[in-house]
Amino acid sequence: MKLSDLQKRLAESSTYRPAEDTFFLADHIENEKGYAALDIGTGSGFLAKILSDSFRLVVGTDLSINSLRQQTVPIKNRICCNAADVFTKKFDLIICNLPYLATNEIIDIATDGGIEGVEIPSKIIKSALSCLNESGKFIFVTSSLSNYKKLIHNINLEGFSAKILARKKLFFEELILVEVK
């Protein structure tokens, strides 16, 4: 299914609609290929569906069972769990639109990243990296509203190589796409 067809389907839906950060990530994963991909925090299933065109196995995880049950773009392999904590399997590509907003308390698990916007993302990243193939990559979206430099620094300290893949300026923030190998 083409990206434009998916966007049209989402626009016609009354359930959760992905926003700029989701579309930003979508633009950068369209040409990824491999055997197994994981979409952490799959929500509507939009990104997982894109991956299903070029990966044999695509799995989406989400903390919200309701999100998984009411996916706008339903995917076959959906698991209600925390990040990638249930997997022993290794993936060629892992993606995540992190909850990156800096907040003192977590009210909305889809957007609130905790202190400096790194508390929750750090846990998700640690979980994801444990499931990454040696030659695989992890791509995630974060924001200038969070301490993204701290996230990148901590990933590099763990022996991985994290770099900024792309940036997108919005009115009130800059979206940052990070690639980890």
N, C-alpha and C. Protein backbone atom coordinates (compact mmCIF):
# COMPACT_ATOMS: atom_id res chain seq x y z
N MET A 1 0.85 -1.18 0.00
CA MET A 1 0.00 0.00 0.00
C MET A 1 0.89 1.24 0.00
N LYS A 2 0.62 2.20 -0.87
CA LYS A 2 1.42 3.41 -0.99
C LYS A 2 1.18 4.34 0.19
N LEU A 3 2.20 5.14 0.50
CA LEU A 3 2.12 6.08 1.60
C LEU A 3 0.93 7.03 1.43
N SER A 4 0.69 7.52 0.23
CA SER A 4 -0.43 8.44 0.00
C SER A 4 -1.78 7.76 0.24
N ASP A 5 -1.91 6.47 -0.11
CA ASP A 5 -3.14 5.73 0.15
C ASP A 5 -3.38 5.57 1.65
N LEU A 6 -2.30 5.30 2.40
CA LEU A 6 -2.42 5.16 3.85
C LEU A 6 -2.84 6.48 4.49
N GLN A 7 -2.25 7.57 4.03
CA GLN A 7 -2.59 8.88 4.59
C GLN A 7 -4.06 9.21 4.33
N LYS A 8 -4.54 8.87 3.16
CA LYS A 8 -5.95 9.12 2.82
C LYS A 8 -6.87 8.29 3.74
N ARG A 9 -6.50 7.03 3.94
CA ARG A 9 -7.30 6.14 4.79
C ARG A 9 -7.36 6.68 6.22
N LEU A 10 -6.24 7.19 6.71
CA LEU A 10 -6.19 7.74 8.06
C LEU A 10 -7.03 9.01 8.16
N ALA A 11 -7.00 9.83 7.14
CA ALA A 11 -7.77 11.08 7.15
C ALA A 11 -9.27 10.80 7.22
N GLU A 12 -9.69 9.67 6.69
CA GLU A 12 -11.10 9.30 6.68
C GLU A 12 -11.53 8.59 7.96
N SER A 13 -10.60 8.30 8.83
CA SER A 13 -10.88 7.53 10.04
C SER A 13 -11.22 8.44 11.21
N SER A 14 -11.96 7.90 12.16
CA SER A 14 -12.29 8.67 13.37
C SER A 14 -11.39 8.29 14.54
N THR A 15 -10.49 7.32 14.37
CA THR A 15 -9.58 6.92 15.44
C THR A 15 -8.31 7.76 15.38
N TYR A 16 -7.34 7.43 16.20
CA TYR A 16 -6.09 8.18 16.28
C TYR A 16 -5.48 8.43 14.90
N ARG A 17 -5.09 9.67 14.68
CA ARG A 17 -4.46 10.04 13.42
C ARG A 17 -3.00 10.41 13.66
N PRO A 18 -2.08 9.73 12.98
CA PRO A 18 -0.67 10.10 13.11
C PRO A 18 -0.45 11.57 12.74
N ALA A 19 0.57 12.14 13.34
CA ALA A 19 0.87 13.56 13.12
C ALA A 19 2.18 13.72 12.35
N GLU A 20 2.69 14.95 12.33
CA GLU A 20 3.91 15.29 11.57
C GLU A 20 5.07 14.37 11.89
N ASP A 21 5.27 14.04 13.16
CA ASP A 21 6.41 13.20 13.53
C ASP A 21 6.30 11.80 12.91
N THR A 22 5.10 11.26 12.85
CA THR A 22 4.88 9.94 12.25
C THR A 22 5.17 10.00 10.75
N PHE A 23 4.67 11.03 10.08
CA PHE A 23 4.90 11.16 8.64
C PHE A 23 6.37 11.40 8.33
N PHE A 24 7.06 12.12 9.20
CA PHE A 24 8.49 12.36 9.05
C PHE A 24 9.26 11.03 9.08
N LEU A 25 8.92 10.18 10.04
CA LEU A 25 9.54 8.86 10.13
C LEU A 25 9.16 8.01 8.92
N ALA A 26 7.91 8.08 8.51
CA ALA A 26 7.43 7.30 7.36
C ALA A 26 8.23 7.61 6.10
N ASP A 27 8.52 8.87 5.88
CA ASP A 27 9.29 9.27 4.70
C ASP A 27 10.68 8.64 4.67
N HIS A 28 11.21 8.31 5.84
CA HIS A 28 12.58 7.80 5.92
C HIS A 28 12.67 6.28 6.05
N ILE A 29 11.54 5.60 6.11
CA ILE A 29 11.59 4.12 6.21
C ILE A 29 11.04 3.44 4.97
N GLU A 30 10.49 4.21 4.05
CA GLU A 30 9.87 3.62 2.86
C GLU A 30 10.80 2.71 2.07
N ASN A 31 12.08 3.02 2.04
CA ASN A 31 13.02 2.24 1.24
C ASN A 31 13.83 1.23 2.05
N GLU A 32 13.53 1.08 3.32
CA GLU A 32 14.23 0.10 4.15
C GLU A 32 13.78 -1.30 3.74
N LYS A 33 14.70 -2.25 3.79
CA LYS A 33 14.39 -3.63 3.42
C LYS A 33 15.08 -4.59 4.37
N GLY A 34 14.51 -5.78 4.50
CA GLY A 34 15.10 -6.80 5.35
C GLY A 34 14.12 -7.93 5.58
N TYR A 35 14.44 -8.78 6.55
CA TYR A 35 13.56 -9.90 6.86
C TYR A 35 12.56 -9.52 7.96
N ALA A 36 13.08 -8.99 9.09
CA ALA A 36 12.20 -8.75 10.25
C ALA A 36 12.30 -7.31 10.72
N ALA A 37 11.13 -6.69 10.95
CA ALA A 37 11.07 -5.31 11.43
C ALA A 37 10.13 -5.23 12.63
N LEU A 38 10.44 -4.30 13.52
CA LEU A 38 9.65 -4.08 14.72
C LEU A 38 9.28 -2.61 14.81
N ASP A 39 8.00 -2.34 15.03
CA ASP A 39 7.50 -0.98 15.23
C ASP A 39 7.05 -0.87 16.68
N ILE A 40 7.86 -0.21 17.49
CA ILE A 40 7.54 -0.03 18.91
C ILE A 40 6.59 1.16 19.06
N GLY A 41 5.47 0.93 19.75
CA GLY A 41 4.45 1.97 19.90
C GLY A 41 3.68 2.14 18.61
N THR A 42 3.28 1.04 18.03
CA THR A 42 2.69 1.02 16.68
C THR A 42 1.41 1.82 16.55
N GLY A 43 0.66 2.00 17.62
CA GLY A 43 -0.56 2.82 17.56
C GLY A 43 -1.49 2.43 16.43
N SER A 44 -1.67 3.31 15.47
CA SER A 44 -2.61 3.09 14.37
C SER A 44 -2.18 1.97 13.42
N GLY A 45 -0.91 1.58 13.45
CA GLY A 45 -0.40 0.57 12.53
C GLY A 45 0.14 1.17 11.25
N PHE A 46 0.08 2.48 11.12
CA PHE A 46 0.48 3.19 9.92
C PHE A 46 1.91 2.86 9.50
N LEU A 47 2.87 2.99 10.42
CA LEU A 47 4.28 2.74 10.08
C LEU A 47 4.54 1.26 9.84
N ALA A 48 3.93 0.39 10.63
CA ALA A 48 4.11 -1.05 10.44
C ALA A 48 3.60 -1.49 9.07
N LYS A 49 2.51 -0.90 8.64
CA LYS A 49 1.96 -1.24 7.32
C LYS A 49 2.93 -0.85 6.21
N ILE A 50 3.59 0.28 6.35
CA ILE A 50 4.60 0.69 5.37
C ILE A 50 5.72 -0.34 5.33
N LEU A 51 6.16 -0.79 6.49
CA LEU A 51 7.25 -1.77 6.56
C LEU A 51 6.85 -3.11 5.96
N SER A 52 5.57 -3.44 6.03
CA SER A 52 5.12 -4.75 5.55
C SER A 52 5.31 -4.93 4.04
N ASP A 53 5.53 -3.84 3.32
CA ASP A 53 5.79 -3.94 1.89
C ASP A 53 7.21 -4.42 1.59
N SER A 54 8.13 -4.27 2.54
CA SER A 54 9.52 -4.63 2.25
C SER A 54 10.18 -5.52 3.31
N PHE A 55 9.39 -6.02 4.25
CA PHE A 55 9.90 -6.96 5.25
C PHE A 55 8.96 -8.15 5.30
N ARG A 56 9.53 -9.32 5.46
CA ARG A 56 8.71 -10.54 5.49
C ARG A 56 7.92 -10.64 6.80
N LEU A 57 8.56 -10.25 7.89
CA LEU A 57 7.92 -10.29 9.21
C LEU A 57 7.93 -8.88 9.79
N VAL A 58 6.74 -8.38 10.11
CA VAL A 58 6.62 -7.07 10.76
C VAL A 58 5.78 -7.26 12.01
N VAL A 59 6.32 -6.79 13.13
CA VAL A 59 5.63 -6.89 14.41
C VAL A 59 5.46 -5.48 14.96
N GLY A 60 4.29 -5.22 15.51
CA GLY A 60 4.02 -3.94 16.15
C GLY A 60 3.69 -4.16 17.61
N THR A 61 4.31 -3.38 18.48
CA THR A 61 3.99 -3.46 19.91
C THR A 61 3.38 -2.14 20.36
N ASP A 62 2.57 -2.22 21.39
CA ASP A 62 1.99 -1.03 21.98
C ASP A 62 1.57 -1.34 23.40
N LEU A 63 1.67 -0.36 24.28
CA LEU A 63 1.20 -0.52 25.66
C LEU A 63 -0.32 -0.53 25.76
N SER A 64 -0.97 0.07 24.77
CA SER A 64 -2.42 0.20 24.80
C SER A 64 -3.11 -0.90 24.01
N ILE A 65 -3.81 -1.78 24.71
CA ILE A 65 -4.56 -2.84 24.04
C ILE A 65 -5.66 -2.24 23.16
N ASN A 66 -6.23 -1.12 23.60
CA ASN A 66 -7.27 -0.47 22.80
C ASN A 66 -6.72 0.04 21.48
N SER A 67 -5.53 0.61 21.49
CA SER A 67 -4.90 1.05 20.23
C SER A 67 -4.73 -0.13 19.28
N LEU A 68 -4.29 -1.24 19.82
CA LEU A 68 -4.07 -2.43 18.99
C LEU A 68 -5.39 -2.98 18.44
N ARG A 69 -6.41 -2.94 19.24
CA ARG A 69 -7.72 -3.46 18.80
C ARG A 69 -8.40 -2.55 17.79
N GLN A 70 -8.12 -1.26 17.87
CA GLN A 70 -8.81 -0.29 17.02
C GLN A 70 -7.89 0.33 15.97
N GLN A 71 -6.88 -0.40 15.55
CA GLN A 71 -5.95 0.14 14.56
C GLN A 71 -6.67 0.58 13.29
N THR A 72 -6.31 1.74 12.83
CA THR A 72 -6.85 2.27 11.59
C THR A 72 -6.34 1.47 10.40
N VAL A 73 -5.08 1.08 10.49
CA VAL A 73 -4.43 0.27 9.46
C VAL A 73 -3.98 -1.01 10.17
N PRO A 74 -4.90 -1.98 10.35
CA PRO A 74 -4.58 -3.17 11.14
C PRO A 74 -3.41 -3.97 10.56
N ILE A 75 -2.54 -4.41 11.46
CA ILE A 75 -1.44 -5.27 11.06
C ILE A 75 -1.64 -6.65 11.67
N LYS A 76 -1.04 -7.63 11.08
CA LYS A 76 -1.24 -9.01 11.49
C LYS A 76 -0.61 -9.33 12.85
N ASN A 77 0.62 -8.92 13.06
CA ASN A 77 1.37 -9.28 14.26
C ASN A 77 1.42 -8.11 15.24
N ARG A 78 0.47 -8.11 16.18
CA ARG A 78 0.37 -7.04 17.17
C ARG A 78 0.52 -7.64 18.56
N ILE A 79 1.33 -7.00 19.37
CA ILE A 79 1.56 -7.52 20.71
C ILE A 79 1.45 -6.37 21.71
N CYS A 80 0.64 -6.58 22.73
CA CYS A 80 0.51 -5.59 23.80
C CYS A 80 1.61 -5.87 24.82
N CYS A 81 2.58 -4.98 24.87
CA CYS A 81 3.69 -5.14 25.80
C CYS A 81 4.44 -3.82 25.93
N ASN A 82 5.41 -3.80 26.79
CA ASN A 82 6.25 -2.63 27.00
C ASN A 82 7.43 -2.68 26.02
N ALA A 83 7.47 -1.76 25.08
CA ALA A 83 8.56 -1.64 24.10
C ALA A 83 8.83 -2.98 23.42
N ALA A 84 10.05 -3.52 23.62
CA ALA A 84 10.42 -4.80 23.01
C ALA A 84 10.78 -5.82 24.08
N ASP A 85 10.31 -5.58 25.31
CA ASP A 85 10.71 -6.39 26.46
C ASP A 85 10.39 -7.88 26.34
N VAL A 86 9.42 -8.27 25.52
CA VAL A 86 9.02 -9.68 25.45
C VAL A 86 9.82 -10.47 24.43
N PHE A 87 10.67 -9.82 23.66
CA PHE A 87 11.34 -10.50 22.56
C PHE A 87 12.73 -11.03 22.89
N THR A 88 12.98 -12.22 22.36
CA THR A 88 14.34 -12.75 22.31
C THR A 88 14.81 -12.73 20.86
N LYS A 89 13.86 -12.56 19.95
CA LYS A 89 14.15 -12.48 18.52
C LYS A 89 14.92 -11.19 18.22
N LYS A 90 15.76 -11.27 17.20
CA LYS A 90 16.51 -10.10 16.74
C LYS A 90 15.87 -9.56 15.46
N PHE A 91 15.90 -8.26 15.30
CA PHE A 91 15.27 -7.60 14.17
C PHE A 91 16.30 -6.86 13.32
N ASP A 92 16.03 -6.80 12.00
CA ASP A 92 16.89 -6.06 11.07
C ASP A 92 16.67 -4.55 11.20
N LEU A 93 15.42 -4.18 11.47
CA LEU A 93 15.07 -2.78 11.63
C LEU A 93 14.08 -2.65 12.76
N ILE A 94 14.33 -1.67 13.62
CA ILE A 94 13.41 -1.33 14.68
C ILE A 94 13.14 0.16 14.55
N ILE A 95 11.87 0.54 14.62
CA ILE A 95 11.51 1.95 14.54
C ILE A 95 10.65 2.34 15.74
N CYS A 96 10.67 3.62 16.05
CA CYS A 96 9.83 4.10 17.15
C CYS A 96 9.65 5.61 17.04
N ASN A 97 8.43 6.04 17.17
CA ASN A 97 8.10 7.45 17.31
C ASN A 97 7.99 7.65 18.82
N LEU A 98 9.11 7.98 19.44
CA LEU A 98 9.20 8.05 20.90
C LEU A 98 8.24 9.05 21.53
N PRO A 99 7.81 8.77 22.77
CA PRO A 99 7.11 9.79 23.56
C PRO A 99 8.19 10.73 24.11
N TYR A 100 8.36 11.90 23.51
CA TYR A 100 9.54 12.71 23.79
C TYR A 100 9.29 14.03 24.52
N LEU A 101 8.05 14.37 24.81
CA LEU A 101 7.81 15.66 25.47
C LEU A 101 8.35 15.64 26.90
N ALA A 102 9.06 16.70 27.27
CA ALA A 102 9.59 16.82 28.62
C ALA A 102 8.44 17.12 29.59
N THR A 103 8.24 16.21 30.54
CA THR A 103 7.14 16.36 31.50
C THR A 103 7.60 15.91 32.88
N ASN A 104 6.98 16.47 33.91
CA ASN A 104 7.30 16.08 35.28
C ASN A 104 6.59 14.80 35.68
N GLU A 105 5.47 14.52 35.03
CA GLU A 105 4.77 13.26 35.28
C GLU A 105 4.23 12.73 33.96
N ILE A 106 4.03 11.43 33.91
CA ILE A 106 3.55 10.78 32.69
C ILE A 106 2.03 10.71 32.75
N ILE A 107 1.39 11.51 31.92
CA ILE A 107 -0.07 11.51 31.85
C ILE A 107 -0.52 10.81 30.57
N ASP A 108 0.13 11.15 29.46
CA ASP A 108 -0.18 10.54 28.16
C ASP A 108 1.01 9.71 27.71
N ILE A 109 0.87 8.38 27.72
CA ILE A 109 2.00 7.51 27.38
C ILE A 109 2.43 7.63 25.92
N ALA A 110 1.60 8.21 25.09
CA ALA A 110 1.95 8.37 23.68
C ALA A 110 2.88 9.56 23.44
N THR A 111 2.89 10.53 24.35
CA THR A 111 3.66 11.75 24.11
C THR A 111 4.62 12.13 25.24
N ASP A 112 4.31 11.79 26.47
CA ASP A 112 5.09 12.25 27.63
C ASP A 112 6.34 11.41 27.84
N GLY A 113 7.50 12.08 27.78
CA GLY A 113 8.78 11.39 27.91
C GLY A 113 9.40 11.46 29.28
N GLY A 114 8.77 12.18 30.20
CA GLY A 114 9.32 12.30 31.55
C GLY A 114 10.37 13.40 31.63
N ILE A 115 11.17 13.33 32.67
CA ILE A 115 12.17 14.35 32.94
C ILE A 115 13.07 14.56 31.71
N GLU A 116 13.18 15.80 31.27
CA GLU A 116 13.97 16.20 30.09
C GLU A 116 13.53 15.51 28.80
N GLY A 117 12.42 14.79 28.84
CA GLY A 117 11.97 14.05 27.66
C GLY A 117 12.85 12.84 27.35
N VAL A 118 13.60 12.38 28.35
CA VAL A 118 14.50 11.23 28.12
C VAL A 118 14.22 10.03 29.03
N GLU A 119 13.46 10.22 30.07
CA GLU A 119 13.20 9.14 31.03
C GLU A 119 12.54 7.93 30.36
N ILE A 120 11.42 8.11 29.71
CA ILE A 120 10.72 7.02 29.03
C ILE A 120 11.47 6.60 27.76
N PRO A 121 11.92 7.55 26.92
CA PRO A 121 12.68 7.13 25.74
C PRO A 121 13.90 6.28 26.06
N SER A 122 14.60 6.57 27.14
CA SER A 122 15.78 5.78 27.51
C SER A 122 15.42 4.32 27.77
N LYS A 123 14.28 4.10 28.41
CA LYS A 123 13.83 2.73 28.68
C LYS A 123 13.45 2.02 27.37
N ILE A 124 12.77 2.74 26.49
CA ILE A 124 12.38 2.15 25.21
C ILE A 124 13.61 1.82 24.38
N ILE A 125 14.56 2.74 24.34
CA ILE A 125 15.79 2.54 23.57
C ILE A 125 16.56 1.34 24.08
N LYS A 126 16.71 1.22 25.38
CA LYS A 126 17.42 0.08 25.96
C LYS A 126 16.75 -1.23 25.56
N SER A 127 15.44 -1.27 25.62
CA SER A 127 14.68 -2.46 25.24
C SER A 127 14.89 -2.78 23.77
N ALA A 128 14.83 -1.76 22.92
CA ALA A 128 14.98 -1.95 21.47
C ALA A 128 16.37 -2.45 21.12
N LEU A 129 17.39 -1.85 21.69
CA LEU A 129 18.76 -2.21 21.33
C LEU A 129 19.09 -3.66 21.66
N SER A 130 18.42 -4.21 22.66
CA SER A 130 18.67 -5.61 23.01
C SER A 130 18.11 -6.57 21.96
N CYS A 131 17.27 -6.07 21.07
CA CYS A 131 16.63 -6.89 20.04
C CYS A 131 17.13 -6.58 18.63
N LEU A 132 18.19 -5.83 18.54
CA LEU A 132 18.70 -5.41 17.25
C LEU A 132 19.76 -6.38 16.74
N ASN A 133 19.60 -6.83 15.48
CA ASN A 133 20.62 -7.66 14.84
C ASN A 133 21.94 -6.92 14.82
N GLU A 134 23.04 -7.66 14.74
CA GLU A 134 24.35 -7.04 14.67
C GLU A 134 24.47 -6.06 13.51
N SER A 135 23.86 -6.40 12.39
CA SER A 135 23.92 -5.53 11.22
C SER A 135 22.66 -4.67 11.06
N GLY A 136 21.80 -4.71 12.05
CA GLY A 136 20.53 -3.98 11.97
C GLY A 136 20.65 -2.53 12.36
N LYS A 137 19.52 -1.83 12.27
CA LYS A 137 19.49 -0.43 12.70
C LYS A 137 18.17 -0.11 13.40
N PHE A 138 18.26 0.88 14.24
CA PHE A 138 17.13 1.38 15.00
C PHE A 138 16.97 2.85 14.61
N ILE A 139 15.78 3.21 14.16
CA ILE A 139 15.50 4.59 13.77
C ILE A 139 14.37 5.11 14.65
N PHE A 140 14.60 6.25 15.28
CA PHE A 140 13.55 6.82 16.12
C PHE A 140 13.44 8.33 15.92
N VAL A 141 12.26 8.84 16.26
CA VAL A 141 11.99 10.28 16.19
C VAL A 141 12.03 10.84 17.60
N THR A 142 12.68 11.97 17.73
CA THR A 142 12.66 12.72 18.97
C THR A 142 12.48 14.20 18.60
N SER A 143 12.72 15.09 19.54
CA SER A 143 12.41 16.49 19.30
C SER A 143 13.40 17.41 20.01
N SER A 144 13.48 18.62 19.49
CA SER A 144 14.28 19.65 20.13
C SER A 144 13.68 20.04 21.49
N LEU A 145 12.44 19.63 21.75
CA LEU A 145 11.80 19.90 23.03
C LEU A 145 12.31 18.97 24.13
N SER A 146 13.06 17.95 23.73
CA SER A 146 13.64 17.02 24.71
C SER A 146 15.16 17.18 24.70
N ASN A 147 15.82 16.52 25.62
CA ASN A 147 17.28 16.56 25.67
C ASN A 147 17.80 15.42 24.77
N TYR A 148 17.60 15.57 23.47
CA TYR A 148 17.97 14.53 22.51
C TYR A 148 19.49 14.28 22.49
N LYS A 149 20.28 15.32 22.81
CA LYS A 149 21.74 15.15 22.83
C LYS A 149 22.14 14.16 23.93
N LYS A 150 21.43 14.20 25.03
CA LYS A 150 21.69 13.26 26.12
C LYS A 150 21.35 11.83 25.69
N LEU A 151 20.24 11.66 24.98
CA LEU A 151 19.86 10.34 24.46
C LEU A 151 20.95 9.78 23.56
N ILE A 152 21.40 10.60 22.61
CA ILE A 152 22.44 10.17 21.67
C ILE A 152 23.72 9.84 22.40
N HIS A 153 24.11 10.67 23.34
CA HIS A 153 25.33 10.44 24.13
C HIS A 153 25.24 9.11 24.89
N ASN A 154 24.10 8.86 25.53
CA ASN A 154 23.93 7.61 26.30
C ASN A 154 23.96 6.38 25.40
N ILE A 155 23.40 6.48 24.21
CA ILE A 155 23.44 5.36 23.26
C ILE A 155 24.88 5.07 22.85
N ASN A 156 25.63 6.12 22.55
CA ASN A 156 27.03 5.95 22.17
C ASN A 156 27.85 5.36 23.30
N LEU A 157 27.53 5.69 24.54
CA LEU A 157 28.22 5.11 25.70
C LEU A 157 28.00 3.60 25.81
N GLU A 158 26.87 3.13 25.29
CA GLU A 158 26.53 1.70 25.33
C GLU A 158 27.24 0.92 24.22
N GLY A 159 28.05 1.59 23.41
CA GLY A 159 28.80 0.91 22.37
C GLY A 159 28.12 0.90 21.01
N PHE A 160 27.02 1.60 20.88
CA PHE A 160 26.34 1.72 19.59
C PHE A 160 26.76 3.04 18.96
N SER A 161 26.46 3.18 17.69
CA SER A 161 26.75 4.42 16.98
C SER A 161 25.42 5.11 16.65
N ALA A 162 25.19 6.25 17.28
CA ALA A 162 23.96 7.00 17.05
C ALA A 162 24.30 8.30 16.34
N LYS A 163 23.53 8.60 15.29
CA LYS A 163 23.75 9.85 14.57
C LYS A 163 22.41 10.42 14.13
N ILE A 164 22.40 11.72 13.94
CA ILE A 164 21.20 12.39 13.44
C ILE A 164 21.11 12.14 11.94
N LEU A 165 20.00 11.56 11.54
CA LEU A 165 19.76 11.21 10.15
C LEU A 165 19.09 12.35 9.39
N ALA A 166 18.17 13.05 10.07
CA ALA A 166 17.44 14.15 9.42
C ALA A 166 16.81 15.04 10.48
N ARG A 167 16.48 16.24 10.05
CA ARG A 167 15.80 17.23 10.91
C ARG A 167 14.66 17.84 10.12
N LYS A 168 13.63 18.21 10.84
CA LYS A 168 12.50 18.88 10.19
C LYS A 168 11.99 19.98 11.12
N LYS A 169 12.06 21.21 10.64
CA LYS A 169 11.59 22.35 11.44
C LYS A 169 10.08 22.47 11.35
N LEU A 170 9.47 22.60 12.51
CA LEU A 170 8.05 22.91 12.61
C LEU A 170 7.93 24.26 13.30
N PHE A 171 6.73 24.75 13.42
CA PHE A 171 6.51 26.06 14.02
C PHE A 171 7.11 26.16 15.43
N PHE A 172 6.89 25.16 16.27
CA PHE A 172 7.24 25.25 17.68
C PHE A 172 8.36 24.30 18.11
N GLU A 173 8.88 23.49 17.19
CA GLU A 173 9.94 22.55 17.54
C GLU A 173 10.66 22.09 16.28
N GLU A 174 11.72 21.33 16.49
CA GLU A 174 12.41 20.68 15.40
C GLU A 174 12.35 19.19 15.66
N LEU A 175 11.83 18.44 14.69
CA LEU A 175 11.83 16.99 14.80
C LEU A 175 13.20 16.47 14.42
N ILE A 176 13.65 15.45 15.12
CA ILE A 176 14.99 14.91 14.89
C ILE A 176 14.88 13.42 14.72
N LEU A 177 15.39 12.93 13.60
CA LEU A 177 15.39 11.51 13.30
C LEU A 177 16.78 10.98 13.61
N VAL A 178 16.86 9.97 14.47
CA VAL A 178 18.14 9.41 14.88
C VAL A 178 18.24 7.97 14.40
N GLU A 179 19.42 7.62 13.88
CA GLU A 179 19.69 6.26 13.44
C GLU A 179 20.77 5.67 14.35
N VAL A 180 20.51 4.45 14.81
CA VAL A 180 21.45 3.76 15.69
C VAL A 180 21.85 2.46 15.02
N LYS A 181 23.16 2.21 15.01
CA LYS A 181 23.69 0.94 14.48
C LYS A 181 24.61 0.34 15.52
